[in-house]
PDB file of all heavy atoms in Angstrom:
ATOM      1  N   THR A   1      74.617  95.250  89.074  1.00  0.00           N
ATOM      2  CA  THR A   1      75.993  94.941  88.727  1.00  0.00           C
ATOM      3  C   THR A   1      76.964  95.598  89.707  1.00  0.00           C
ATOM      4  O   THR A   1      76.755  96.748  90.106  1.00  0.00           O
ATOM      5  CB  THR A   1      76.322  95.409  87.297  1.00  0.00           C
ATOM      6  OG1 THR A   1      75.406  94.807  86.388  1.00  0.00           O
ATOM      7  CG2 THR A   1      77.743  95.014  86.900  1.00  0.00           C
ATOM      8  N   GLY A   2      77.996  94.848  90.051  1.00  0.00           N
ATOM      9  CA  GLY A   2      79.088  95.386  90.845  1.00  0.00           C
ATOM     10  C   GLY A   2      80.352  95.451  90.004  1.00  0.00           C
ATOM     11  O   GLY A   2      80.474  94.776  88.975  1.00  0.00           O
ATOM     12  N   TYR A   3      81.301  96.277  90.471  1.00  0.00           N
ATOM     13  CA  TYR A   3      82.517  96.497  89.680  1.00  0.00           C
ATOM     14  C   TYR A   3      83.751  96.505  90.580  1.00  0.00           C
ATOM     15  O   TYR A   3      83.674  96.839  91.765  1.00  0.00           O
ATOM     16  CB  TYR A   3      82.439  97.844  88.954  1.00  0.00           C
ATOM     17  CG  TYR A   3      81.232  98.002  88.080  1.00  0.00           C
ATOM     18  CD1 TYR A   3      80.095  98.664  88.551  1.00  0.00           C
ATOM     19  CD2 TYR A   3      81.203  97.480  86.790  1.00  0.00           C
ATOM     20  CE1 TYR A   3      78.971  98.806  87.759  1.00  0.00           C
ATOM     21  CE2 TYR A   3      80.078  97.625  85.989  1.00  0.00           C
ATOM     22  CZ  TYR A   3      78.968  98.290  86.480  1.00  0.00           C
ATOM     23  OH  TYR A   3      77.860  98.417  85.691  1.00  0.00           O
ATOM     24  N   LEU A   4      84.874  96.182  89.972  1.00  0.00           N
ATOM     25  CA  LEU A   4      86.162  96.355  90.635  1.00  0.00           C
ATOM     26  C   LEU A   4      87.109  96.970  89.605  1.00  0.00           C
ATOM     27  O   LEU A   4      87.519  96.296  88.653  1.00  0.00           O
ATOM     28  CB  LEU A   4      86.725  95.034  91.151  1.00  0.00           C
ATOM     29  CG  LEU A   4      88.024  95.152  91.944  1.00  0.00           C
ATOM     30  CD1 LEU A   4      87.770  95.868  93.278  1.00  0.00           C
ATOM     31  CD2 LEU A   4      88.643  93.780  92.209  1.00  0.00           C
ATOM     32  N   GLN A   5      87.414  98.245  89.777  1.00  0.00           N
ATOM     33  CA  GLN A   5      88.367  98.929  88.912  1.00  0.00           C
ATOM     34  C   GLN A   5      89.758  98.705  89.477  1.00  0.00           C
ATOM     35  O   GLN A   5      90.022  99.035  90.636  1.00  0.00           O
ATOM     36  CB  GLN A   5      88.055 100.423  88.845  1.00  0.00           C
ATOM     37  CG  GLN A   5      89.039 101.227  88.020  1.00  0.00           C
ATOM     38  CD  GLN A   5      88.990 100.888  86.542  1.00  0.00           C
ATOM     39  OE1 GLN A   5      87.909 100.759  85.974  1.00  0.00           O
ATOM     40  NE2 GLN A   5      90.149 100.742  85.905  1.00  0.00           N
ATOM     41  N   MET A   6      90.642  98.163  88.668  1.00  0.00           N
ATOM     42  CA  MET A   6      91.989  97.827  89.108  1.00  0.00           C
ATOM     43  C   MET A   6      92.997  98.629  88.287  1.00  0.00           C
ATOM     44  O   MET A   6      93.088  98.435  87.075  1.00  0.00           O
ATOM     45  CB  MET A   6      92.245  96.331  88.966  1.00  0.00           C
ATOM     46  CG  MET A   6      91.196  95.464  89.658  1.00  0.00           C
ATOM     47  SD  MET A   6      91.610  93.719  89.636  1.00  0.00           S
ATOM     48  CE  MET A   6      91.527  93.399  87.880  1.00  0.00           C
ATOM     49  N   ASN A   7      93.720  99.495  88.945  1.00  0.00           N
ATOM     50  CA  ASN A   7      94.743 100.317  88.300  1.00  0.00           C
ATOM     51  C   ASN A   7      96.125  99.970  88.845  1.00  0.00           C
ATOM     52  O   ASN A   7      96.248  99.346  89.897  1.00  0.00           O
ATOM     53  CB  ASN A   7      94.460 101.800  88.533  1.00  0.00           C
ATOM     54  CG  ASN A   7      93.143 102.248  87.957  1.00  0.00           C
ATOM     55  OD1 ASN A   7      92.667 101.720  86.942  1.00  0.00           O
ATOM     56  ND2 ASN A   7      92.527 103.227  88.609  1.00  0.00           N
ATOM     57  N   SER A   8      97.144 100.390  88.129  1.00  0.00           N
ATOM     58  CA  SER A   8      98.533 100.162  88.556  1.00  0.00           C
ATOM     59  C   SER A   8      98.761  98.703  88.936  1.00  0.00           C
ATOM     60  O   SER A   8      99.323  98.397  89.999  1.00  0.00           O
ATOM     61  CB  SER A   8      98.874 101.076  89.738  1.00  0.00           C
ATOM     62  OG  SER A   8      98.696 102.428  89.400  1.00  0.00           O
ATOM     63  N   LEU A   9      98.322  97.830  88.076  1.00  0.00           N
ATOM     64  CA  LEU A   9      98.393  96.401  88.376  1.00  0.00           C
ATOM     65  C   LEU A   9      99.837  95.918  88.480  1.00  0.00           C
ATOM     66  O   LEU A   9     100.723  96.401  87.759  1.00  0.00           O
ATOM     67  CB  LEU A   9      97.638  95.612  87.322  1.00  0.00           C
ATOM     68  CG  LEU A   9      96.112  95.638  87.504  1.00  0.00           C
ATOM     69  CD1 LEU A   9      95.399  95.249  86.217  1.00  0.00           C
ATOM     70  CD2 LEU A   9      95.686  94.731  88.640  1.00  0.00           C
ATOM     71  N   LYS A  10     100.035  94.958  89.367  1.00  0.00           N
ATOM     72  CA  LYS A  10     101.341  94.379  89.618  1.00  0.00           C
ATOM     73  C   LYS A  10     101.288  92.877  89.346  1.00  0.00           C
ATOM     74  O   LYS A  10     100.209  92.273  89.436  1.00  0.00           O
ATOM     75  CB  LYS A  10     101.733  94.600  91.079  1.00  0.00           C
ATOM     76  CG  LYS A  10     101.715  96.047  91.529  1.00  0.00           C
ATOM     77  CD  LYS A  10     101.998  96.147  93.020  1.00  0.00           C
ATOM     78  CE  LYS A  10     101.954  97.592  93.495  1.00  0.00           C
ATOM     79  NZ  LYS A  10     102.229  97.693  94.963  1.00  0.00           N
ATOM     80  N   PRO A  11     102.424  92.256  89.046  1.00  0.00           N
ATOM     81  CA  PRO A  11     102.420  90.802  88.828  1.00  0.00           C
ATOM     82  C   PRO A  11     101.822  90.032  90.012  1.00  0.00           C
ATOM     83  O   PRO A  11     101.173  88.995  89.798  1.00  0.00           O
ATOM     84  CB  PRO A  11     103.901  90.487  88.633  1.00  0.00           C
ATOM     85  CG  PRO A  11     104.469  91.728  88.034  1.00  0.00           C
ATOM     86  CD  PRO A  11     103.738  92.848  88.722  1.00  0.00           C
ATOM     87  N   GLU A  12     102.004  90.525  91.211  1.00  0.00           N
ATOM     88  CA  GLU A  12     101.458  89.825  92.380  1.00  0.00           C
ATOM     89  C   GLU A  12      99.940  89.938  92.480  1.00  0.00           C
ATOM     90  O   GLU A  12      99.329  89.306  93.347  1.00  0.00           O
ATOM     91  CB  GLU A  12     102.104  90.339  93.676  1.00  0.00           C
ATOM     92  CG  GLU A  12     102.104  91.842  93.835  1.00  0.00           C
ATOM     93  CD  GLU A  12     103.410  92.489  93.388  1.00  0.00           C
ATOM     94  OE1 GLU A  12     103.940  92.108  92.314  1.00  0.00           O
ATOM     95  OE2 GLU A  12     103.888  93.391  94.126  1.00  0.00           O
ATOM     96  N   ASP A  13      99.306  90.717  91.614  1.00  0.00           N
ATOM     97  CA  ASP A  13      97.842  90.755  91.550  1.00  0.00           C
ATOM     98  C   ASP A  13      97.283  89.604  90.714  1.00  0.00           C
ATOM     99  O   ASP A  13      96.067  89.424  90.651  1.00  0.00           O
ATOM    100  CB  ASP A  13      97.365  92.079  90.944  1.00  0.00           C
ATOM    101  CG  ASP A  13      97.692  93.273  91.817  1.00  0.00           C
ATOM    102  OD1 ASP A  13      97.541  93.168  93.053  1.00  0.00           O
ATOM    103  OD2 ASP A  13      98.095  94.311  91.253  1.00  0.00           O
ATOM    104  N   THR A  14      98.139  88.842  90.089  1.00  0.00           N
ATOM    105  CA  THR A  14      97.694  87.715  89.273  1.00  0.00           C
ATOM    106  C   THR A  14      96.956  86.690  90.127  1.00  0.00           C
ATOM    107  O   THR A  14      97.476  86.215  91.141  1.00  0.00           O
ATOM    108  CB  THR A  14      98.902  87.054  88.586  1.00  0.00           C
ATOM    109  OG1 THR A  14      99.478  87.976  87.663  1.00  0.00           O
ATOM    110  CG2 THR A  14      98.479  85.785  87.843  1.00  0.00           C
ATOM    111  N   ALA A  15      95.733  86.364  89.718  1.00  0.00           N
ATOM    112  CA  ALA A  15      94.886  85.447  90.485  1.00  0.00           C
ATOM    113  C   ALA A  15      93.560  85.274  89.752  1.00  0.00           C
ATOM    114  O   ALA A  15      93.275  85.993  88.792  1.00  0.00           O
ATOM    115  CB  ALA A  15      94.622  85.989  91.885  1.00  0.00           C
ATOM    116  N   VAL A  16      92.771  84.347  90.231  1.00  0.00           N
ATOM    117  CA  VAL A  16      91.371  84.269  89.840  1.00  0.00           C
ATOM    118  C   VAL A  16      90.593  85.165  90.805  1.00  0.00           C
ATOM    119  O   VAL A  16      90.738  85.040  92.018  1.00  0.00           O
ATOM    120  CB  VAL A  16      90.833  82.828  89.889  1.00  0.00           C
ATOM    121  CG1 VAL A  16      89.349  82.803  89.542  1.00  0.00           C
ATOM    122  CG2 VAL A  16      91.621  81.936  88.936  1.00  0.00           C
ATOM    123  N   TYR A  17      89.791  86.056  90.253  1.00  0.00           N
ATOM    124  CA  TYR A  17      89.027  87.012  91.051  1.00  0.00           C
ATOM    125  C   TYR A  17      87.567  86.570  91.112  1.00  0.00           C
ATOM    126  O   TYR A  17      86.960  86.245  90.075  1.00  0.00           O
ATOM    127  CB  TYR A  17      89.143  88.411  90.455  1.00  0.00           C
ATOM    128  CG  TYR A  17      90.462  89.064  90.773  1.00  0.00           C
ATOM    129  CD1 TYR A  17      91.636  88.614  90.181  1.00  0.00           C
ATOM    130  CD2 TYR A  17      90.540  90.115  91.686  1.00  0.00           C
ATOM    131  CE1 TYR A  17      92.866  89.192  90.493  1.00  0.00           C
ATOM    132  CE2 TYR A  17      91.767  90.702  91.996  1.00  0.00           C
ATOM    133  CZ  TYR A  17      92.911  90.240  91.402  1.00  0.00           C
ATOM    134  OH  TYR A  17      94.124  90.816  91.710  1.00  0.00           O
ATOM    135  N   TYR A  18      87.031  86.572  92.317  1.00  0.00           N
ATOM    136  CA  TYR A  18      85.658  86.157  92.557  1.00  0.00           C
ATOM    137  C   TYR A  18      84.857  87.297  93.178  1.00  0.00           C
ATOM    138  O   TYR A  18      85.349  87.983  94.077  1.00  0.00           O
ATOM    139  CB  TYR A  18      85.621  84.985  93.536  1.00  0.00           C
ATOM    140  CG  TYR A  18      86.337  83.750  93.084  1.00  0.00           C
ATOM    141  CD1 TYR A  18      87.689  83.560  93.366  1.00  0.00           C
ATOM    142  CD2 TYR A  18      85.658  82.752  92.387  1.00  0.00           C
ATOM    143  CE1 TYR A  18      88.349  82.411  92.951  1.00  0.00           C
ATOM    144  CE2 TYR A  18      86.312  81.604  91.976  1.00  0.00           C
ATOM    145  CZ  TYR A  18      87.660  81.445  92.261  1.00  0.00           C
ATOM    146  OH  TYR A  18      88.307  80.306  91.847  1.00  0.00           O
ATOM    147  N   CYS A  19      83.628  87.469  92.721  1.00  0.00           N
ATOM    148  CA  CYS A  19      82.717  88.346  93.455  1.00  0.00           C
ATOM    149  C   CYS A  19      81.818  87.473  94.326  1.00  0.00           C
ATOM    150  O   CYS A  19      81.587  86.293  94.027  1.00  0.00           O
ATOM    151  CB  CYS A  19      81.913  89.243  92.533  1.00  0.00           C
ATOM    152  SG  CYS A  19      80.675  88.425  91.519  1.00  0.00           S
ATOM    153  N   ALA A  20      81.342  88.071  95.401  1.00  0.00           N
ATOM    154  CA  ALA A  20      80.547  87.338  96.371  1.00  0.00           C
ATOM    155  C   ALA A  20      79.495  88.258  96.968  1.00  0.00           C
ATOM    156  O   ALA A  20      79.664  89.477  96.986  1.00  0.00           O
ATOM    157  CB  ALA A  20      81.449  86.784  97.470  1.00  0.00           C
ATOM    158  N   ALA A  21      78.415  87.646  97.461  1.00  0.00           N
ATOM    159  CA  ALA A  21      77.305  88.410  98.024  1.00  0.00           C
ATOM    160  C   ALA A  21      76.952  87.887  99.406  1.00  0.00           C
ATOM    161  O   ALA A  21      76.958  86.667  99.637  1.00  0.00           O
ATOM    162  CB  ALA A  21      76.089  88.327  97.106  1.00  0.00           C
ATOM    163  N   SER A  22      76.658  88.818 100.303  1.00  0.00           N
ATOM    164  CA  SER A  22      76.301  88.476 101.679  1.00  0.00           C
ATOM    165  C   SER A  22      75.026  89.189 102.071  1.00  0.00           C
ATOM    166  O   SER A  22      74.880  90.377 101.810  1.00  0.00           O
ATOM    167  CB  SER A  22      77.428  88.884 102.630  1.00  0.00           C
ATOM    168  OG  SER A  22      77.026  88.744 103.969  1.00  0.00           O
ATOM    169  N   GLN A  23      74.111  88.460 102.734  1.00  0.00           N
ATOM    170  CA  GLN A  23      72.859  89.084 103.148  1.00  0.00           C
ATOM    171  C   GLN A  23      72.767  89.309 104.649  1.00  0.00           C
ATOM    172  O   GLN A  23      71.755  89.790 105.143  1.00  0.00           O
ATOM    173  CB  GLN A  23      71.693  88.206 102.701  1.00  0.00           C
ATOM    174  CG  GLN A  23      71.731  86.791 103.255  1.00  0.00           C
ATOM    175  CD  GLN A  23      70.629  85.928 102.672  1.00  0.00           C
ATOM    176  OE1 GLN A  23      69.555  86.420 102.338  1.00  0.00           O
ATOM    177  NE2 GLN A  23      70.878  84.627 102.563  1.00  0.00           N
ATOM    178  N   PHE A  24      73.824  89.029 105.387  1.00  0.00           N
ATOM    179  CA  PHE A  24      73.751  89.065 106.845  1.00  0.00           C
ATOM    180  C   PHE A  24      74.134  90.437 107.390  1.00  0.00           C
ATOM    181  O   PHE A  24      75.278  90.699 107.718  1.00  0.00           O
ATOM    182  CB  PHE A  24      74.636  87.989 107.447  1.00  0.00           C
ATOM    183  CG  PHE A  24      74.223  86.609 107.046  1.00  0.00           C
ATOM    184  CD1 PHE A  24      75.006  85.845 106.212  1.00  0.00           C
ATOM    185  CD2 PHE A  24      73.024  86.077 107.494  1.00  0.00           C
ATOM    186  CE1 PHE A  24      74.621  84.564 105.830  1.00  0.00           C
ATOM    187  CE2 PHE A  24      72.626  84.800 107.129  1.00  0.00           C
ATOM    188  CZ  PHE A  24      73.423  84.041 106.289  1.00  0.00           C
ATOM    189  N   ARG A  25      73.180  91.325 107.508  1.00  0.00           N
ATOM    190  CA  ARG A  25      73.448  92.672 107.969  1.00  0.00           C
ATOM    191  C   ARG A  25      73.995  92.715 109.386  1.00  0.00           C
ATOM    192  O   ARG A  25      74.747  93.607 109.740  1.00  0.00           O
ATOM    193  CB  ARG A  25      72.176  93.519 107.893  1.00  0.00           C
ATOM    194  CG  ARG A  25      71.720  93.792 106.476  1.00  0.00           C
ATOM    195  CD  ARG A  25      70.454  94.622 106.455  1.00  0.00           C
ATOM    196  NE  ARG A  25      70.000  94.868 105.093  1.00  0.00           N
ATOM    197  CZ  ARG A  25      70.321  95.944 104.391  1.00  0.00           C
ATOM    198  NH1 ARG A  25      71.076  96.875 104.925  1.00  0.00           N
ATOM    199  NH2 ARG A  25      69.874  96.109 103.149  1.00  0.00           N
ATOM    200  N   GLY A  26      73.629  91.744 110.187  1.00  0.00           N
ATOM    201  CA  GLY A  26      74.054  91.767 111.586  1.00  0.00           C
ATOM    202  C   GLY A  26      75.530  91.492 111.785  1.00  0.00           C
ATOM    203  O   GLY A  26      76.107  91.914 112.780  1.00  0.00           O
ATOM    204  N   THR A  27      76.146  90.779 110.841  1.00  0.00           N
ATOM    205  CA  THR A  27      77.535  90.367 111.040  1.00  0.00           C
ATOM    206  C   THR A  27      78.490  90.890 109.978  1.00  0.00           C
ATOM    207  O   THR A  27      79.705  90.839 110.162  1.00  0.00           O
ATOM    208  CB  THR A  27      77.632  88.832 111.050  1.00  0.00           C
ATOM    209  OG1 THR A  27      77.104  88.331 109.806  1.00  0.00           O
ATOM    210  CG2 THR A  27      76.814  88.255 112.202  1.00  0.00           C
ATOM    211  N   TRP A  28      77.962  91.359 108.885  1.00  0.00           N
ATOM    212  CA  TRP A  28      78.834  91.661 107.750  1.00  0.00           C
ATOM    213  C   TRP A  28      79.878  92.708 108.060  1.00  0.00           C
ATOM    214  O   TRP A  28      81.046  92.559 107.684  1.00  0.00           O
ATOM    215  CB  TRP A  28      77.997  92.101 106.544  1.00  0.00           C
ATOM    216  CG  TRP A  28      78.839  92.390 105.344  1.00  0.00           C
ATOM    217  CD1 TRP A  28      79.361  91.470 104.483  1.00  0.00           C
ATOM    218  CD2 TRP A  28      79.280  93.665 104.891  1.00  0.00           C
ATOM    219  NE1 TRP A  28      80.107  92.101 103.507  1.00  0.00           N
ATOM    220  CE2 TRP A  28      80.071  93.438 103.726  1.00  0.00           C
ATOM    221  CE3 TRP A  28      79.092  94.970 105.328  1.00  0.00           C
ATOM    222  CZ2 TRP A  28      80.653  94.479 103.008  1.00  0.00           C
ATOM    223  CZ3 TRP A  28      79.685  96.015 104.620  1.00  0.00           C
ATOM    224  CH2 TRP A  28      80.450  95.770 103.476  1.00  0.00           C
ATOM    225  N   TYR A  29      79.518  93.798 108.762  1.00  0.00           N
ATOM    226  CA  TYR A  29      80.479  94.874 108.990  1.00  0.00           C
ATOM    227  C   TYR A  29      81.689  94.392 109.773  1.00  0.00           C
ATOM    228  O   TYR A  29      82.806  94.870 109.569  1.00  0.00           O
ATOM    229  CB  TYR A  29      79.802  96.043 109.696  1.00  0.00           C
ATOM    230  CG  TYR A  29      78.922  96.840 108.757  1.00  0.00           C
ATOM    231  CD1 TYR A  29      77.557  96.598 108.669  1.00  0.00           C
ATOM    232  CD2 TYR A  29      79.462  97.822 107.937  1.00  0.00           C
ATOM    233  CE1 TYR A  29      76.756  97.310 107.789  1.00  0.00           C
ATOM    234  CE2 TYR A  29      78.671  98.546 107.054  1.00  0.00           C
ATOM    235  CZ  TYR A  29      77.320  98.279 106.988  1.00  0.00           C
ATOM    236  OH  TYR A  29      76.536  98.986 106.111  1.00  0.00           O
ATOM    237  N   ALA A  30      81.481  93.443 110.655  1.00  0.00           N
ATOM    238  CA  ALA A  30      82.596  92.910 111.436  1.00  0.00           C
ATOM    239  C   ALA A  30      83.359  91.817 110.692  1.00  0.00           C
ATOM    240  O   ALA A  30      84.521  91.549 110.999  1.00  0.00           O
ATOM    241  CB  ALA A  30      82.082  92.371 112.765  1.00  0.00           C
ATOM    242  N   ARG A  31      82.701  91.187 109.725  1.00  0.00           N
ATOM    243  CA  ARG A  31      83.290  90.008 109.072  1.00  0.00           C
ATOM    244  C   ARG A  31      83.366  90.163 107.566  1.00  0.00           C
ATOM    245  O   ARG A  31      83.417  89.180 106.841  1.00  0.00           O
ATOM    246  CB  ARG A  31      82.453  88.781 109.441  1.00  0.00           C
ATOM    247  CG  ARG A  31      82.567  88.358 110.886  1.00  0.00           C
ATOM    248  CD  ARG A  31      81.517  87.321 111.263  1.00  0.00           C
ATOM    249  NE  ARG A  31      81.416  86.235 110.314  1.00  0.00           N
ATOM    250  CZ  ARG A  31      82.163  85.138 110.329  1.00  0.00           C
ATOM    251  NH1 ARG A  31      83.116  85.015 111.236  1.00  0.00           N
ATOM    252  NH2 ARG A  31      81.977  84.171 109.442  1.00  0.00           N
ATOM    253  N   LYS A  32      83.396  91.363 107.070  1.00  0.00           N
ATOM    254  CA  LYS A  32      83.337  91.616 105.631  1.00  0.00           C
ATOM    255  C   LYS A  32      84.527  91.052 104.874  1.00  0.00           C
ATOM    256  O   LYS A  32      84.444  90.851 103.678  1.00  0.00           O
ATOM    257  CB  LYS A  32      83.232  93.120 105.345  1.00  0.00           C
ATOM    258  CG  LYS A  32      84.334  93.928 106.009  1.00  0.00           C
ATOM    259  CD  LYS A  32      84.026  95.396 105.929  1.00  0.00           C
ATOM    260  CE  LYS A  32      84.997  96.200 106.766  1.00  0.00           C
ATOM    261  NZ  LYS A  32      84.801  95.964 108.206  1.00  0.00           N
ATOM    262  N   SER A  33      85.630  90.804 105.505  1.00  0.00           N
ATOM    263  CA  SER A  33      86.792  90.246 104.831  1.00  0.00           C
ATOM    264  C   SER A  33      86.899  88.733 104.987  1.00  0.00           C
ATOM    265  O   SER A  33      87.900  88.146 104.561  1.00  0.00           O
ATOM    266  CB  SER A  33      88.068  90.900 105.365  1.00  0.00           C
ATOM    267  OG  SER A  33      88.227  90.599 106.736  1.00  0.00           O
ATOM    268  N   VAL A  34      85.907  88.113 105.556  1.00  0.00           N
ATOM    269  CA  VAL A  34      85.927  86.680 105.833  1.00  0.00           C
ATOM    270  C   VAL A  34      85.169  85.916 104.753  1.00  0.00           C
ATOM    271  O   VAL A  34      84.010  86.221 104.462  1.00  0.00           O
ATOM    272  CB  VAL A  34      85.308  86.389 107.209  1.00  0.00           C
ATOM    273  CG1 VAL A  34      85.275  84.877 107.464  1.00  0.00           C
ATOM    274  CG2 VAL A  34      86.059  87.122 108.303  1.00  0.00           C
ATOM    275  N   VAL A  35      85.817  84.924 104.168  1.00  0.00           N
ATOM    276  CA  VAL A  35      85.202  84.148 103.081  1.00  0.00           C
ATOM    277  C   VAL A  35      83.867  83.550 103.513  1.00  0.00           C
ATOM    278  O   VAL A  35      82.881  83.611 102.781  1.00  0.00           O
ATOM    279  CB  VAL A  35      86.167  83.047 102.610  1.00  0.00           C
ATOM    280  CG1 VAL A  35      85.459  82.062 101.679  1.00  0.00           C
ATOM    281  CG2 VAL A  35      87.382  83.663 101.916  1.00  0.00           C
ATOM    282  N   ALA A  36      83.820  83.013 104.718  1.00  0.00           N
ATOM    283  CA  ALA A  36      82.623  82.318 105.197  1.00  0.00           C
ATOM    284  C   ALA A  36      81.430  83.243 105.402  1.00  0.00           C
ATOM    285  O   ALA A  36      80.302  82.771 105.574  1.00  0.00           O
ATOM    286  CB  ALA A  36      82.939  81.590 106.490  1.00  0.00           C
ATOM    287  N   GLU A  37      81.642  84.555 105.386  1.00  0.00           N
ATOM    288  CA  GLU A  37      80.549  85.498 105.588  1.00  0.00           C
ATOM    289  C   GLU A  37      79.661  85.605 104.354  1.00  0.00           C
ATOM    290  O   GLU A  37      78.558  86.124 104.422  1.00  0.00           O
ATOM    291  CB  GLU A  37      81.128  86.879 105.933  1.00  0.00           C
ATOM    292  CG  GLU A  37      80.116  87.959 106.227  1.00  0.00           C
ATOM    293  CD  GLU A  37      79.269  87.671 107.457  1.00  0.00           C
ATOM    294  OE1 GLU A  37      79.652  86.813 108.276  1.00  0.00           O
ATOM    295  OE2 GLU A  37      78.201  88.306 107.600  1.00  0.00           O
ATOM    296  N   TYR A  38      80.157  85.137 103.215  1.00  0.00           N
ATOM    297  CA  TYR A  38      79.467  85.306 101.947  1.00  0.00           C
ATOM    298  C   TYR A  38      78.761  84.014 101.529  1.00  0.00           C
ATOM    299  O   TYR A  38      79.352  82.941 101.550  1.00  0.00           O
ATOM    300  CB  TYR A  38      80.456  85.757 100.873  1.00  0.00           C
ATOM    301  CG  TYR A  38      80.981  87.144 101.166  1.00  0.00           C
ATOM    302  CD1 TYR A  38      82.027  87.333 102.054  1.00  0.00           C
ATOM    303  CD2 TYR A  38      80.394  88.264 100.587  1.00  0.00           C
ATOM    304  CE1 TYR A  38      82.492  88.606 102.358  1.00  0.00           C
ATOM    305  CE2 TYR A  38      80.863  89.546 100.864  1.00  0.00           C
ATOM    306  CZ  TYR A  38      81.906  89.704 101.758  1.00  0.00           C
ATOM    307  OH  TYR A  38      82.360  90.963 102.044  1.00  0.00           O
ATOM    308  N   ASP A  39      77.495  84.180 101.116  1.00  0.00           N
ATOM    309  CA  ASP A  39      76.650  83.029 100.803  1.00  0.00           C
ATOM    310  C   ASP A  39      76.736  82.618  99.348  1.00  0.00           C
ATOM    311  O   ASP A  39      76.536  81.448  99.011  1.00  0.00           O
ATOM    312  CB  ASP A  39      75.177  83.370 101.078  1.00  0.00           C
ATOM    313  CG  ASP A  39      74.992  84.062 102.403  1.00  0.00           C
ATOM    314  OD1 ASP A  39      74.939  83.331 103.397  1.00  0.00           O
ATOM    315  OD2 ASP A  39      74.903  85.298 102.417  1.00  0.00           O
ATOM    316  N   TYR A  40      76.982  83.578  98.475  1.00  0.00           N
ATOM    317  CA  TYR A  40      76.892  83.326  97.042  1.00  0.00           C
ATOM    318  C   TYR A  40      78.171  83.808  96.366  1.00  0.00           C
ATOM    319  O   TYR A  40      78.704  84.873  96.685  1.00  0.00           O
ATOM    320  CB  TYR A  40      75.678  84.043  96.434  1.00  0.00           C
ATOM    321  CG  TYR A  40      74.395  83.675  97.123  1.00  0.00           C
ATOM    322  CD1 TYR A  40      73.818  84.518  98.065  1.00  0.00           C
ATOM    323  CD2 TYR A  40      73.780  82.452  96.864  1.00  0.00           C
ATOM    324  CE1 TYR A  40      72.658  84.165  98.724  1.00  0.00           C
ATOM    325  CE2 TYR A  40      72.614  82.093  97.513  1.00  0.00           C
ATOM    326  CZ  TYR A  40      72.058  82.950  98.440  1.00  0.00           C
ATOM    327  OH  TYR A  40      70.914  82.584  99.087  1.00  0.00           O
ATOM    328  N   TRP A  41      78.622  83.000  95.408  1.00  0.00           N
ATOM    329  CA  TRP A  41      79.891  83.254  94.720  1.00  0.00           C
ATOM    330  C   TRP A  41      79.729  83.082  93.215  1.00  0.00           C
ATOM    331  O   TRP A  41      78.970  82.232  92.754  1.00  0.00           O
ATOM    332  CB  TRP A  41      80.957  82.266  95.208  1.00  0.00           C
ATOM    333  CG  TRP A  41      81.329  82.483  96.642  1.00  0.00           C
ATOM    334  CD1 TRP A  41      80.666  82.021  97.739  1.00  0.00           C
ATOM    335  CD2 TRP A  41      82.455  83.215  97.119  1.00  0.00           C
ATOM    336  NE1 TRP A  41      81.312  82.441  98.873  1.00  0.00           N
ATOM    337  CE2 TRP A  41      82.414  83.160  98.528  1.00  0.00           C
ATOM    338  CE3 TRP A  41      83.498  83.911  96.508  1.00  0.00           C
ATOM    339  CZ2 TRP A  41      83.381  83.787  99.329  1.00  0.00           C
ATOM    340  CZ3 TRP A  41      84.451  84.521  97.301  1.00  0.00           C
ATOM    341  CH2 TRP A  41      84.387  84.455  98.695  1.00  0.00           C
TER     342      TRP A  41
END
């Protein structure tokens, strides 16, 4: 299980939140913020 603890929430945090998993060790550190880097949602 993974978690996201969210404190001091603001109205602009309103959204649908998705978790995602990536298995590509060779590229993940450079592309960890890129949607396409993740295989499973």
